PDB file of N, CA and C in Angstrom:
ATOM      1  N   UNK A   1     126.525 -27.618 185.479  1.00  0.00           N
ATOM      2  CA  UNK A   1     126.908 -26.983 184.844  1.00  0.00           C
ATOM      3  C   UNK A   1     127.283 -27.225 183.621  1.00  0.00           C
ATOM      4  N   UNK A   2     128.412 -28.585 183.328  1.00  0.00           N
ATOM      5  CA  UNK A   2     128.502 -28.822 182.494  1.00  0.00           C
ATOM      6  C   UNK A   2     127.413 -29.685 181.165  1.00  0.00           C
ATOM      7  N   UNK A   3     126.339 -30.265 182.085  1.00  0.00           N
ATOM      8  CA  UNK A   3     125.601 -30.501 181.158  1.00  0.00           C
ATOM      9  C   UNK A   3     124.784 -29.626 179.979  1.00  0.00           C
ATOM     10  N   UNK A   4     124.637 -28.039 180.491  1.00  0.00           N
ATOM     11  CA  UNK A   4     123.906 -27.515 180.064  1.00  0.00           C
ATOM     12  C   UNK A   4     124.954 -26.364 178.642  1.00  0.00           C
ATOM     13  N   UNK A   5     126.249 -26.833 179.234  1.00  0.00           N
ATOM     14  CA  UNK A   5     127.196 -26.666 178.119  1.00  0.00           C
ATOM     15  C   UNK A   5     127.727 -27.383 176.785  1.00  0.00           C
ATOM     16  N   UNK A   6     127.111 -28.546 177.211  1.00  0.00           N
ATOM     17  CA  UNK A   6     127.557 -29.608 176.662  1.00  0.00           C
ATOM     18  C   UNK A   6     125.832 -29.898 175.330  1.00  0.00           C
ATOM     19  N   UNK A   7     125.371 -28.980 175.588  1.00  0.00           N
ATOM     20  CA  UNK A   7     123.922 -29.298 174.809  1.00  0.00           C
ATOM     21  C   UNK A   7     124.729 -28.673 173.327  1.00  0.00           C
ATOM     22  N   UNK A   8     124.865 -27.222 173.159  1.00  0.00           N
ATOM     23  CA  UNK A   8     125.229 -26.754 171.939  1.00  0.00           C
ATOM     24  C   UNK A   8     126.013 -27.560 171.448  1.00  0.00           C
ATOM     25  N   UNK A   9     126.815 -28.122 171.914  1.00  0.00           N
ATOM     26  CA  UNK A   9     128.037 -28.811 171.344  1.00  0.00           C
ATOM     27  C   UNK A   9     127.132 -29.855 170.484  1.00  0.00           C
ATOM     28  N   UNK A  10     126.666 -30.706 171.123  1.00  0.00           N
ATOM     29  CA  UNK A  10     125.907 -32.262 170.843  1.00  0.00           C
ATOM     30  C   UNK A  10     125.196 -31.408 169.699  1.00  0.00           C
ATOM     31  N   UNK A  11     124.411 -30.583 169.280  1.00  0.00           N
ATOM     32  CA  UNK A  11     123.462 -30.324 168.080  1.00  0.00           C
ATOM     33  C   UNK A  11     124.216 -29.594 167.293  1.00  0.00           C
ATOM     34  N   UNK A  12     125.022 -29.022 167.552  1.00  0.00           N
ATOM     35  CA  UNK A  12     126.028 -28.927 166.190  1.00  0.00           C
ATOM     36  C   UNK A  12     126.985 -30.142 165.615  1.00  0.00           C
ATOM     37  N   UNK A  13     127.526 -31.037 166.719  1.00  0.00           N
ATOM     38  CA  UNK A  13     128.009 -32.394 165.790  1.00  0.00           C
ATOM     39  C   UNK A  13     126.664 -32.889 165.352  1.00  0.00           C
ATOM     40  N   UNK A  14     125.306 -33.257 166.373  1.00  0.00           N
ATOM     41  CA  UNK A  14     124.430 -33.788 165.167  1.00  0.00           C
ATOM     42  C   UNK A  14     124.382 -33.271 163.499  1.00  0.00           C
ATOM     43  N   UNK A  15     124.126 -31.735 163.379  1.00  0.00           N
ATOM     44  CA  UNK A  15     123.942 -30.713 162.288  1.00  0.00           C
ATOM     45  C   UNK A  15     125.161 -31.268 161.442  1.00  0.00           C
ATOM     46  N   UNK A  16     126.152 -31.134 161.435  1.00  0.00           N
ATOM     47  CA  UNK A  16     127.300 -31.708 161.097  1.00  0.00           C
ATOM     48  C   UNK A  16     127.639 -33.144 160.234  1.00  0.00           C
ATOM     49  N   UNK A  17     127.051 -34.390 161.408  1.00  0.00           N
ATOM     50  CA  UNK A  17     127.203 -35.143 160.884  1.00  0.00           C
ATOM     51  C   UNK A  17     125.567 -35.357 159.932  1.00  0.00           C
ATOM     52  N   UNK A  18     124.478 -35.125 160.117  1.00  0.00           N
ATOM     53  CA  UNK A  18     123.093 -35.112 159.788  1.00  0.00           C
ATOM     54  C   UNK A  18     123.754 -34.514 157.807  1.00  0.00           C
ATOM     55  N   UNK A  19     124.288 -33.405 158.220  1.00  0.00           N
ATOM     56  CA  UNK A  19     124.426 -32.579 156.850  1.00  0.00           C
ATOM     57  C   UNK A  19     125.863 -33.319 155.870  1.00  0.00           C
ATOM     58  N   UNK A  20     126.968 -33.786 156.565  1.00  0.00           N
ATOM     59  CA  UNK A  20     127.792 -34.867 155.696  1.00  0.00           C
ATOM     60  C   UNK A  20     126.931 -35.877 155.345  1.00  0.00           C
ATOM     61  N   UNK A  21     126.179 -36.622 156.132  1.00  0.00           N
ATOM     62  CA  UNK A  21     125.453 -37.690 155.201  1.00  0.00           C
ATOM     63  C   UNK A  21     124.356 -37.534 154.652  1.00  0.00           C
ATOM     64  N   UNK A  22     124.047 -36.418 154.320  1.00  0.00           N
ATOM     65  CA  UNK A  22     122.987 -35.920 153.503  1.00  0.00           C
ATOM     66  C   UNK A  22     123.637 -35.810 152.044  1.00  0.00           C
ATOM     67  N   UNK A  23     124.655 -34.871 152.512  1.00  0.00           N
ATOM     68  CA  UNK A  23     125.296 -34.443 151.244  1.00  0.00           C
ATOM     69  C   UNK A  23     126.015 -35.675 150.457  1.00  0.00           C
ATOM     70  N   UNK A  24     126.693 -36.541 151.477  1.00  0.00           N
ATOM     71  CA  UNK A  24     127.225 -37.807 150.886  1.00  0.00           C
ATOM     72  C   UNK A  24     126.374 -38.899 149.812  1.00  0.00           C
ATOM     73  N   UNK A  25     125.202 -39.087 150.643  1.00  0.00           N
ATOM     74  CA  UNK A  25     124.343 -39.758 150.087  1.00  0.00           C
ATOM     75  C   UNK A  25     123.678 -38.914 148.773  1.00  0.00           C
ATOM     76  N   UNK A  26     123.247 -37.718 148.584  1.00  0.00           N
ATOM     77  CA  UNK A  26     122.759 -37.238 147.359  1.00  0.00           C
ATOM     78  C   UNK A  26     124.135 -37.161 146.375  1.00  0.00           C
ATOM     79  N   UNK A  27     125.168 -37.195 146.729  1.00  0.00           N
ATOM     80  CA  UNK A  27     126.110 -37.063 145.516  1.00  0.00           C
ATOM     81  C   UNK A  27     126.570 -38.637 145.294  1.00  0.00           C
ATOM     82  N   UNK A  28     125.615 -39.421 145.941  1.00  0.00           N
ATOM     83  CA  UNK A  28     126.298 -40.343 145.294  1.00  0.00           C
ATOM     84  C   UNK A  28     125.641 -41.222 144.270  1.00  0.00           C
ATOM     85  N   UNK A  29     123.829 -40.676 144.988  1.00  0.00           N
ATOM     86  CA  UNK A  29     123.269 -40.836 144.197  1.00  0.00           C
ATOM     87  C   UNK A  29     122.561 -40.127 143.111  1.00  0.00           C
ATOM     88  N   UNK A  30     123.165 -39.132 142.800  1.00  0.00           N
ATOM     89  CA  UNK A  30     123.320 -38.326 141.468  1.00  0.00           C
ATOM     90  C   UNK A  30     124.164 -38.478 140.545  1.00  0.00           C
ATOM     91  N   UNK A  31     125.714 -39.077 140.870  1.00  0.00           N
ATOM     92  CA  UNK A  31     126.287 -39.358 140.144  1.00  0.00           C
ATOM     93  C   UNK A  31     126.010 -40.736 139.486  1.00  0.00           C
ATOM     94  N   UNK A  32     125.267 -41.510 140.162  1.00  0.00           N
ATOM     95  CA  UNK A  32     124.809 -42.869 139.335  1.00  0.00           C
ATOM     96  C   UNK A  32     123.888 -42.320 138.354  1.00  0.00           C
ATOM     97  N   UNK A  33     122.691 -42.017 138.577  1.00  0.00           N
ATOM     98  CA  UNK A  33     121.832 -42.125 137.578  1.00  0.00           C
ATOM     99  C   UNK A  33     121.064 -40.229 138.071  1.00  0.00           C
ATOM    100  N   UNK A  34     121.087 -39.447 136.729  1.00  0.00           N
ATOM    101  CA  UNK A  34     120.759 -38.683 136.626  1.00  0.00           C
ATOM    102  C   UNK A  34     119.379 -38.308 136.534  1.00  0.00           C
ATOM    103  N   UNK A  35     118.529 -39.481 136.416  1.00  0.00           N
ATOM    104  CA  UNK A  35     116.980 -38.959 136.434  1.00  0.00           C
ATOM    105  C   UNK A  35     116.933 -38.944 138.064  1.00  0.00           C
ATOM    106  N   UNK A  36     117.510 -39.172 138.970  1.00  0.00           N
ATOM    107  CA  UNK A  36     116.839 -39.162 140.067  1.00  0.00           C
ATOM    108  C   UNK A  36     116.963 -37.616 140.457  1.00  0.00           C
ATOM    109  N   UNK A  37     118.023 -36.955 139.868  1.00  0.00           N
ATOM    110  CA  UNK A  37     117.888 -35.590 140.249  1.00  0.00           C
ATOM    111  C   UNK A  37     116.530 -34.967 139.167  1.00  0.00           C
ATOM    112  N   UNK A  38     116.108 -35.488 138.269  1.00  0.00           N
ATOM    113  CA  UNK A  38     115.055 -34.329 137.937  1.00  0.00           C
ATOM    114  C   UNK A  38     113.369 -35.121 138.342  1.00  0.00           C
ATOM    115  N   UNK A  39     113.998 -36.367 139.354  1.00  0.00           N
ATOM    116  CA  UNK A  39     112.629 -36.608 139.954  1.00  0.00           C
ATOM    117  C   UNK A  39     112.556 -35.540 141.262  1.00  0.00           C
ATOM    118  N   UNK A  40     113.703 -35.567 141.811  1.00  0.00           N
ATOM    119  CA  UNK A  40     113.840 -35.172 143.033  1.00  0.00           C
ATOM    120  C   UNK A  40     114.014 -33.551 142.588  1.00  0.00           C
ATOM    121  N   UNK A  41     113.983 -32.918 141.305  1.00  0.00           N
ATOM    122  CA  UNK A  41     114.002 -31.605 141.343  1.00  0.00           C
ATOM    123  C   UNK A  41     112.346 -31.216 141.090  1.00  0.00           C
ATOM    124  N   UNK A  42     111.578 -32.398 141.073  1.00  0.00           N
ATOM    125  CA  UNK A  42     110.260 -32.082 140.681  1.00  0.00           C
ATOM    126  C   UNK A  42     109.301 -32.301 142.060  1.00  0.00           C
ATOM    127  N   UNK A  43     109.846 -33.017 142.601  1.00  0.00           N
ATOM    128  CA  UNK A  43     109.171 -34.062 143.790  1.00  0.00           C
ATOM    129  C   UNK A  43     109.216 -33.017 144.989  1.00  0.00           C
ATOM    130  N   UNK A  44     110.475 -32.412 145.603  1.00  0.00           N
ATOM    131  CA  UNK A  44     110.545 -31.428 146.505  1.00  0.00           C
ATOM    132  C   UNK A  44     109.951 -30.236 146.642  1.00  0.00           C
ATOM    133  N   UNK A  45     110.079 -29.691 145.322  1.00  0.00           N
ATOM    134  CA  UNK A  45     109.107 -28.201 145.365  1.00  0.00           C
ATOM    135  C   UNK A  45     107.633 -28.571 145.515  1.00  0.00           C
ATOM    136  N   UNK A  46     107.265 -29.620 144.947  1.00  0.00           N
ATOM    137  CA  UNK A  46     105.651 -29.989 144.842  1.00  0.00           C
ATOM    138  C   UNK A  46     105.424 -30.554 146.721  1.00  0.00           C
ATOM    139  N   UNK A  47     106.449 -31.151 147.169  1.00  0.00           N
ATOM    140  CA  UNK A  47     106.335 -31.221 148.725  1.00  0.00           C
ATOM    141  C   UNK A  47     105.972 -29.927 149.359  1.00  0.00           C
ATOM    142  N   UNK A  48     106.589 -29.322 149.040  1.00  0.00           N
ATOM    143  CA  UNK A  48     107.188 -28.153 149.882  1.00  0.00           C
ATOM    144  C   UNK A  48     105.579 -27.591 149.362  1.00  0.00           C
ATOM    145  N   UNK A  49     105.080 -27.224 148.424  1.00  0.00           N
ATOM    146  CA  UNK A  49     103.846 -26.769 148.299  1.00  0.00           C
ATOM    147  C   UNK A  49     102.693 -27.208 148.897  1.00  0.00           C
ATOM    148  N   UNK A  50     102.572 -28.665 148.713  1.00  0.00           N
ATOM    149  CA  UNK A  50     101.503 -29.369 149.342  1.00  0.00           C
ATOM    150  C   UNK A  50     101.672 -29.281 150.907  1.00  0.00           C
ATOM    151  N   UNK A  51     102.618 -29.105 151.668  1.00  0.00           N
ATOM    152  CA  UNK A  51     102.810 -28.592 153.278  1.00  0.00           C
ATOM    153  C   UNK A  51     101.967 -27.535 153.389  1.00  0.00           C
ATOM    154  N   UNK A  52     102.566 -26.628 152.895  1.00  0.00           N
ATOM    155  CA  UNK A  52     101.825 -25.275 152.856  1.00  0.00           C
ATOM    156  C   UNK A  52     100.656 -24.908 152.619  1.00  0.00           C
ATOM    157  N   UNK A  53     100.238 -25.670 151.368  1.00  0.00           N
ATOM    158  CA  UNK A  53      99.213 -25.671 151.195  1.00  0.00           C
ATOM    159  C   UNK A  53      97.677 -26.424 152.554  1.00  0.00           C
ATOM    160  N   UNK A  54      98.387 -27.535 152.920  1.00  0.00           N
ATOM    161  CA  UNK A  54      97.665 -28.581 154.039  1.00  0.00           C
ATOM    162  C   UNK A  54      98.037 -27.820 155.099  1.00  0.00           C
ATOM    163  N   UNK A  55      98.878 -27.139 156.001  1.00  0.00           N
ATOM    164  CA  UNK A  55      99.246 -27.087 156.900  1.00  0.00           C
ATOM    165  C   UNK A  55      98.508 -26.430 157.492  1.00  0.00           C
ATOM    166  N   UNK A  56      97.639 -25.319 157.371  1.00  0.00           N
ATOM    167  CA  UNK A  56      96.463 -25.045 158.680  1.00  0.00           C
ATOM    168  C   UNK A  56      95.680 -26.093 158.689  1.00  0.00           C
ATOM    169  N   UNK A  57      94.606 -26.662 157.853  1.00  0.00           N
ATOM    170  CA  UNK A  57      93.979 -27.536 158.129  1.00  0.00           C
ATOM    171  C   UNK A  57      94.357 -28.956 159.102  1.00  0.00           C
ATOM    172  N   UNK A  58      95.571 -29.212 158.502  1.00  0.00           N
ATOM    173  CA  UNK A  58      96.225 -30.332 159.214  1.00  0.00           C
ATOM    174  C   UNK A  58      95.898 -30.264 160.780  1.00  0.00           C
ATOM    175  N   UNK A  59      97.023 -28.542 160.933  1.00  0.00           N
ATOM    176  CA  UNK A  59      96.846 -28.162 162.573  1.00  0.00           C
ATOM    177  C   UNK A  59      95.889 -28.089 162.971  1.00  0.00           C
ATOM    178  N   UNK A  60      94.474 -27.561 162.291  1.00  0.00           N
ATOM    179  CA  UNK A  60      93.242 -27.239 163.166  1.00  0.00           C
ATOM    180  C   UNK A  60      92.717 -28.616 163.333  1.00  0.00           C
ATOM    181  N   UNK A  61      93.071 -29.911 162.644  1.00  0.00           N
ATOM    182  CA  UNK A  61      92.251 -30.961 162.530  1.00  0.00           C
ATOM    183  C   UNK A  61      93.215 -31.410 163.737  1.00  0.00           C
ATOM    184  N   UNK A  62      94.848 -31.673 163.907  1.00  0.00           N
ATOM    185  CA  UNK A  62      95.213 -32.267 164.733  1.00  0.00           C
ATOM    186  C   UNK A  62      94.948 -31.345 166.337  1.00  0.00           C
ATOM    187  N   UNK A  63      94.503 -30.204 166.425  1.00  0.00           N
ATOM    188  CA  UNK A  63      94.366 -29.712 167.511  1.00  0.00           C
ATOM    189  C   UNK A  63      93.100 -29.911 168.173  1.00  0.00           C
ATOM    190  N   UNK A  64      92.021 -29.817 166.795  1.00  0.00           N
ATOM    191  CA  UNK A  64      90.447 -30.764 167.591  1.00  0.00           C
ATOM    192  C   UNK A  64      90.714 -31.889 168.083  1.00  0.00           C
ATOM    193  N   UNK A  65      91.643 -32.717 167.225  1.00  0.00           N
ATOM    194  CA  UNK A  65      92.058 -34.691 167.733  1.00  0.00           C
ATOM    195  C   UNK A  65      92.157 -34.542 168.797  1.00  0.00           C
ATOM    196  N   UNK A  66      93.328 -33.655 169.236  1.00  0.00           N
ATOM    197  CA  UNK A  66      94.172 -33.730 170.447  1.00  0.00           C
ATOM    198  C   UNK A  66      93.087 -32.803 171.827  1.00  0.00           C
ATOM    199  N   UNK A  67      92.386 -32.297 171.406  1.00  0.00           N
ATOM    200  CA  UNK A  67      91.593 -31.793 172.795  1.00  0.00           C
ATOM    201  C   UNK A  67      90.508 -32.912 172.795  1.00  0.00           C
ATOM    202  N   UNK A  68      89.972 -33.583 171.643  1.00  0.00           N
ATOM    203  CA  UNK A  68      88.842 -34.597 171.928  1.00  0.00           C
ATOM    204  C   UNK A  68      89.603 -35.594 172.692  1.00  0.00           C
ATOM    205  N   UNK A  69      90.589 -36.271 172.598  1.00  0.00           N
ATOM    206  CA  UNK A  69      91.338 -37.377 173.171  1.00  0.00           C
ATOM    207  C   UNK A  69      91.638 -36.518 174.430  1.00  0.00           C
ATOM    208  N   UNK A  70      91.842 -35.463 175.103  1.00  0.00           N
ATOM    209  CA  UNK A  70      91.882 -35.123 176.335  1.00  0.00           C
ATOM    210  C   UNK A  70      90.971 -35.104 176.900  1.00  0.00           C
ATOM    211  N   UNK A  71      89.568 -34.955 176.117  1.00  0.00           N
ATOM    212  CA  UNK A  71      88.351 -34.734 176.858  1.00  0.00           C
ATOM    213  C   UNK A  71      87.747 -36.252 177.187  1.00  0.00           C
ATOM    214  N   UNK A  72      87.715 -36.614 176.080  1.00  0.00           N
ATOM    215  CA  UNK A  72      87.701 -38.436 176.553  1.00  0.00           C
ATOM    216  C   UNK A  72      88.281 -38.978 177.836  1.00  0.00           C
ATOM    217  N   UNK A  73      89.763 -38.891 177.844  1.00  0.00           N
ATOM    218  CA  UNK A  73      90.424 -39.422 178.979  1.00  0.00           C
ATOM    219  C   UNK A  73      90.385 -38.908 180.051  1.00  0.00           C
ATOM    220  N   UNK A  74      89.665 -37.405 180.042  1.00  0.00           N
ATOM    221  CA  UNK A  74      89.343 -36.777 181.297  1.00  0.00           C
ATOM    222  C   UNK A  74      88.454 -37.507 182.063  1.00  0.00           C
ATOM    223  N   UNK A  75      87.454 -37.597 180.936  1.00  0.00           N
ATOM    224  CA  UNK A  75      86.165 -38.333 181.067  1.00  0.00           C
ATOM    225  C   UNK A  75      86.029 -39.452 181.641  1.00  0.00           C
ATOM    226  N   UNK A  76      87.191 -40.387 180.995  1.00  0.00           N
ATOM    227  CA  UNK A  76      86.955 -41.836 181.597  1.00  0.00           C
ATOM    228  C   UNK A  76      88.128 -42.094 183.101  1.00  0.00           C
ATOM    229  N   UNK A  77      88.707 -40.971 183.386  1.00  0.00           N
ATOM    230  CA  UNK A  77      89.363 -40.748 184.639  1.00  0.00           C
ATOM    231  C   UNK A  77      88.463 -40.633 185.596  1.00  0.00           C
ATOM    232  N   UNK A  78      87.487 -39.698 185.259  1.00  0.00           N
ATOM    233  CA  UNK A  78      86.383 -39.257 186.565  1.00  0.00           C
ATOM    234  C   UNK A  78      85.431 -40.809 186.484  1.00  0.00           C
ATOM    235  N   UNK A  79      85.299 -40.933 185.478  1.00  0.00           N
ATOM    236  CA  UNK A  79      84.286 -42.624 185.567  1.00  0.00           C
ATOM    237  C   UNK A  79      85.006 -43.523 186.406  1.00  0.00           C
ATOM    238  N   UNK A  80      86.128 -43.508 186.203  1.00  0.00           N
ATOM    239  CA  UNK A  80      86.865 -44.507 187.133  1.00  0.00           C
ATOM    240  C   UNK A  80      87.403 -44.171 188.360  1.00  0.00           C
ATOM    241  N   UNK A  81      87.458 -43.372 188.750  1.00  0.00           N
ATOM    242  CA  UNK A  81      87.840 -42.788 189.804  1.00  0.00           C
ATOM    243  C   UNK A  81      85.860 -42.997 190.500  1.00  0.00           C
ATOM    244  N   UNK A  82      85.256 -42.520 189.750  1.00  0.00           N
ATOM    245  CA  UNK A  82      83.609 -42.561 190.685  1.00  0.00           C
ATOM    246  C   UNK A  82      82.969 -44.209 190.599  1.00  0.00           C
ATOM    247  N   UNK A  83      83.603 -45.098 190.197  1.00  0.00           N
ATOM    248  CA  UNK A  83      83.370 -46.807 190.211  1.00  0.00           C
ATOM    249  C   UNK A  83      83.136 -46.705 191.525  1.00  0.00           C
ATOM    250  N   UNK A  84      83.794 -46.713 192.659  1.00  0.00           N
ATOM    251  CA  UNK A  84      83.410 -47.460 193.825  1.00  0.00           C
ATOM    252  C   UNK A  84      82.634 -46.593 194.559  1.00  0.00           C
ATOM    253  N   UNK A  85      82.428 -45.185 194.204  1.00  0.00           N
ATOM    254  CA  UNK A  85      81.188 -44.139 194.980  1.00  0.00           C
ATOM    255  C   UNK A  85      79.662 -45.232 194.461  1.00  0.00           C
ATOM    256  N   UNK A  86      79.757 -45.133 192.921  1.00  0.00           N
ATOM    257  CA  UNK A  86      78.745 -45.659 192.573  1.00  0.00           C
ATOM    258  C   UNK A  86      78.164 -47.238 192.842  1.00  0.00           C
ATOM    259  N   UNK A  87      79.194 -48.216 192.992  1.00  0.00           N
ATOM    260  CA  UNK A  87      79.149 -49.209 193.738  1.00  0.00           C
ATOM    261  C   UNK A  87      78.735 -49.297 195.139  1.00  0.00           C
ATOM    262  N   UNK A  88      79.279 -48.082 196.088  1.00  0.00           N
ATOM    263  CA  UNK A  88      78.633 -48.069 197.478  1.00  0.00           C
ATOM    264  C   UNK A  88      77.370 -47.501 197.172  1.00  0.00           C
ATOM    265  N   UNK A  89      76.636 -46.884 196.772  1.00  0.00           N
ATOM    266  CA  UNK A  89      75.618 -46.271 196.007  1.00  0.00           C
ATOM    267  C   UNK A  89      74.688 -47.160 195.563  1.00  0.00           C
ATOM    268  N   UNK A  90      74.966 -48.219 195.183  1.00  0.00           N
ATOM    269  CA  UNK A  90      74.441 -49.421 194.568  1.00  0.00           C
ATOM    270  C   UNK A  90      73.224 -48.900 192.942  1.00  0.00           C
ATOM    271  N   UNK A  91      74.153 -47.555 192.425  1.00  0.00           N
ATOM    272  CA  UNK A  91      74.113 -46.690 191.119  1.00  0.00           C
ATOM    273  C   UNK A  91      74.821 -47.363 190.258  1.00  0.00           C
ATOM    274  N   UNK A  92      75.556 -48.351 190.364  1.00  0.00           N
ATOM    275  CA  UNK A  92      76.841 -48.943 189.637  1.00  0.00           C
ATOM    276  C   UNK A  92      75.987 -49.180 188.170  1.00  0.00           C
ATOM    277  N   UNK A  93      75.627 -49.675 187.637  1.00  0.00           N
ATOM    278  CA  UNK A  93      74.660 -50.415 186.874  1.00  0.00           C
ATOM    279  C   UNK A  93      74.008 -49.364 186.091  1.00  0.00           C
ATOM    280  N   UNK A  94      73.246 -48.840 187.070  1.00  0.00           N
ATOM    281  CA  UNK A  94      72.759 -47.225 186.055  1.00  0.00           C
ATOM    282  C   UNK A  94      73.580 -46.363 185.278  1.00  0.00           C
ATOM    283  N   UNK A  95      75.000 -46.238 186.039  1.00  0.00           N
ATOM    284  CA  UNK A  95      75.903 -44.810 185.704  1.00  0.00           C
ATOM    285  C   UNK A  95      76.739 -45.488 184.369  1.00  0.00           C
ATOM    286  N   UNK A  96      76.889 -47.003 184.550  1.00  0.00           N
ATOM    287  CA  UNK A  96      77.689 -47.761 182.914  1.00  0.00           C
ATOM    288  C   UNK A  96      76.500 -47.998 182.110  1.00  0.00           C
ATOM    289  N   UNK A  97      75.132 -47.878 182.219  1.00  0.00           N
ATOM    290  CA  UNK A  97      74.499 -47.981 181.170  1.00  0.00           C
ATOM    291  C   UNK A  97      74.119 -46.411 180.578  1.00  0.00           C
ATOM    292  N   UNK A  98      74.043 -45.086 181.662  1.00  0.00           N
ATOM    293  CA  UNK A  98      74.172 -43.950 181.142  1.00  0.00           C
ATOM    294  C   UNK A  98      75.564 -43.658 180.317  1.00  0.00           C
ATOM    295  N   UNK A  99      76.812 -44.528 180.459  1.00  0.00           N
ATOM    296  CA  UNK A  99      77.996 -43.592 179.840  1.00  0.00           C
ATOM    297  C   UNK A  99      77.951 -43.936 178.376  1.00  0.00           C
ATOM    298  N   UNK A 100      77.371 -45.513 178.093  1.00  0.00           N
ATOM    299  CA  UNK A 100      77.317 -46.148 177.041  1.00  0.00           C
ATOM    300  C   UNK A 100      76.582 -45.065 175.783  1.00  0.00           C
ATOM    301  N   UNK A 101      76.596 -45.036 174.501  1.00  0.00           N
ATOM    302  CA  UNK A 101      76.208 -44.069 173.471  1.00  0.00           C
ATOM    303  C   UNK A 101      74.602 -45.041 173.377  1.00  0.00           C
ATOM    304  N   UNK A 102      73.939 -43.779 173.089  1.00  0.00           N
ATOM    305  CA  UNK A 102      72.504 -44.487 173.060  1.00  0.00           C
ATOM    306  C   UNK A 102      72.412 -44.794 171.095  1.00  0.00           C
ATOM    307  N   UNK A 103      71.967 -46.070 170.575  1.00  0.00           N
ATOM    308  CA  UNK A 103      72.060 -46.266 169.178  1.00  0.00           C
ATOM    309  C   UNK A 103      70.587 -45.900 168.423  1.00  0.00           C
TER     310      UNK A 103
END
């Protein structure tokens, strides 16, 4: 029970620590060089816009990549499981050549 009650506390401490570090870093940076403030004022909104613009496309490509990787992994796992069976039946060489992509 103690573990579940300490999780929100850890999250709050992490959030406070990160916020303080960010504020100190930005203050030190902008106090020393005002050009960096202009740099961030231009690039941060541009980064937010680009992320929103490409988010859907990147999400679809990542989903396709994950599903194709899982399919390949499942196929490879099935192939490795069947190697002893194909060797026992004498068709191991045939199955290996059948699994290779044709050129």
